[in-house]
């Protein structure tokens, strides 16, 4: 789960590791070794993003022969704008749901048990 959290939650694609290869599942020890030897040393040099990555469809990066056309540049800009619009729509939808009484982000961040009080 630590590997998946860094890959999906933080967007660190370098943290990716397959769960199996050629029909053989990697053992917990093999995955732990990858975490300790590859991911954790690199983690020191990385910043934790304030927002999770927004997953959208993107143009596949291919080798370029010559110069990219203006249309490709426009598509790349439009893709970046779509990510921002998607994020804004998600925040707006979450706020509307909370106003209607569905979910509460602050409630979800509270600990499951109340703290001890000194009387």
Protein backbone atom coordinates (compact mmCIF):
# COMPACT_ATOMS: atom_id res chain seq x y z
CA UNK A 1 0.00 0.00 0.00
CA UNK A 2 2.92 2.35 0.64
CA UNK A 3 4.03 1.90 -2.97
CA UNK A 4 0.52 2.52 -4.37
CA UNK A 5 0.03 5.59 -2.18
CA UNK A 6 3.18 7.19 -3.53
CA UNK A 7 2.32 6.29 -7.13
CA UNK A 8 -1.40 7.09 -7.24
CA UNK A 9 -1.80 9.53 -4.35
CA UNK A 10 1.33 11.62 -4.82
CA UNK A 11 1.82 11.07 -8.55
CA UNK A 12 5.36 9.74 -8.17
CA UNK A 13 5.50 7.43 -11.19
CA UNK A 14 9.05 6.45 -10.23
CA UNK A 15 7.49 4.59 -7.28
CA UNK A 16 5.59 2.22 -9.58
CA UNK A 17 6.25 -1.46 -9.21
CA UNK A 18 4.37 -4.34 -10.82
CA UNK A 19 2.51 -6.70 -8.49
CA UNK A 20 3.36 -9.70 -10.64
CA UNK A 21 5.45 -10.72 -13.63
CA UNK A 22 4.94 -13.68 -15.99
CA UNK A 23 2.13 -15.02 -13.81
CA UNK A 24 4.18 -14.96 -10.59
CA UNK A 25 3.13 -12.54 -7.86
CA UNK A 26 5.93 -10.60 -6.18
CA UNK A 27 6.35 -11.52 -2.51
CA UNK A 28 5.92 -9.06 0.33
CA UNK A 29 9.68 -9.20 0.90
CA UNK A 30 10.40 -8.27 -2.73
CA UNK A 31 7.98 -5.35 -2.61
CA UNK A 32 9.36 -4.22 0.76
CA UNK A 33 12.88 -4.34 -0.70
CA UNK A 34 11.78 -2.09 -3.57
CA UNK A 35 10.20 0.31 -1.10
CA UNK A 36 13.29 0.46 1.14
CA UNK A 37 15.98 0.48 -1.54
CA UNK A 38 14.37 2.51 -4.33
CA UNK A 39 11.49 4.63 -3.09
CA UNK A 40 12.48 5.74 0.41
CA UNK A 41 15.95 7.03 -0.58
CA UNK A 42 14.38 9.06 -3.43
CA UNK A 43 11.64 10.40 -1.14
CA UNK A 44 14.14 12.73 0.56
CA UNK A 45 14.57 14.69 -2.69
CA UNK A 46 10.83 15.01 -3.42
CA UNK A 47 8.24 17.51 -2.30
CA UNK A 48 4.84 16.25 -1.19
CA UNK A 49 2.24 17.96 -3.40
CA UNK A 50 -0.50 19.94 -1.67
CA UNK A 51 -3.13 18.43 -3.99
CA UNK A 52 -3.36 14.91 -5.41
CA UNK A 53 -2.71 14.58 -9.14
CA UNK A 54 -5.70 14.97 -11.45
CA UNK A 55 -5.89 12.00 -13.79
CA UNK A 56 -7.17 12.91 -17.26
CA UNK A 57 -6.64 11.60 -20.75
CA UNK A 58 -3.41 12.91 -22.16
CA UNK A 59 -1.64 12.75 -25.46
CA UNK A 60 0.95 9.99 -25.57
CA UNK A 61 4.48 11.35 -25.59
CA UNK A 62 6.16 10.23 -28.79
CA UNK A 63 9.49 11.11 -30.38
CA UNK A 64 9.27 14.27 -32.45
CA UNK A 65 10.72 14.56 -35.91
CA UNK A 66 11.00 18.21 -36.81
CA UNK A 67 8.77 20.79 -35.13
CA UNK A 68 5.49 20.19 -33.32
CA UNK A 69 2.51 21.69 -35.10
CA UNK A 70 0.56 24.55 -33.58
CA UNK A 71 -2.40 22.18 -33.12
CA UNK A 72 -0.38 19.95 -30.80
CA UNK A 73 0.61 22.93 -28.68
CA UNK A 74 -3.05 24.02 -28.52
CA UNK A 75 -4.12 20.53 -27.45
CA UNK A 76 -1.52 20.50 -24.68
CA UNK A 77 -2.74 23.88 -23.38
CA UNK A 78 -6.37 22.75 -23.59
CA UNK A 79 -5.51 19.59 -21.64
CA UNK A 80 -3.93 21.64 -18.85
CA UNK A 81 -7.00 23.92 -18.75
CA UNK A 82 -9.31 20.89 -18.63
CA UNK A 83 -7.45 19.59 -15.57
CA UNK A 84 -8.01 22.89 -13.79
CA UNK A 85 -11.69 22.99 -14.79
CA UNK A 86 -12.15 19.39 -13.61
CA UNK A 87 -10.56 20.20 -10.25
CA UNK A 88 -12.72 23.31 -9.80
CA UNK A 89 -15.88 21.35 -10.70
CA UNK A 90 -14.98 18.63 -8.20
CA UNK A 91 -14.44 21.15 -5.39
CA UNK A 92 -17.71 22.88 -6.26
CA UNK A 93 -19.59 19.56 -6.29
CA UNK A 94 -18.08 18.57 -2.93
CA UNK A 95 -19.13 21.91 -1.41
CA UNK A 96 -22.68 21.54 -2.76
CA UNK A 97 -22.95 18.00 -1.35
CA UNK A 98 -21.75 19.18 2.05
CA UNK A 99 -24.34 21.98 2.08
CA UNK A 100 -27.03 19.36 1.39
CA UNK A 101 -25.76 17.27 4.31
CA UNK A 102 -23.95 14.57 2.33
CA UNK A 103 -20.46 14.08 3.77
CA UNK A 104 -18.26 16.41 5.76
CA UNK A 105 -14.53 16.68 5.08
CA UNK A 106 -13.85 18.07 8.57
CA UNK A 107 -15.72 15.22 10.24
CA UNK A 108 -13.67 12.69 8.28
CA UNK A 109 -10.42 14.24 9.54
CA UNK A 110 -11.38 13.86 13.22
CA UNK A 111 -9.90 11.02 15.28
CA UNK A 112 -12.18 8.06 15.94
CA UNK A 113 -12.01 8.51 19.72
CA UNK A 114 -12.27 11.65 21.82
CA UNK A 115 -9.12 12.89 23.57
CA UNK A 116 -8.72 12.53 27.34
CA UNK A 117 -9.63 15.68 29.28
CA UNK A 118 -7.99 16.87 32.47
CA UNK A 119 -10.62 17.86 34.98
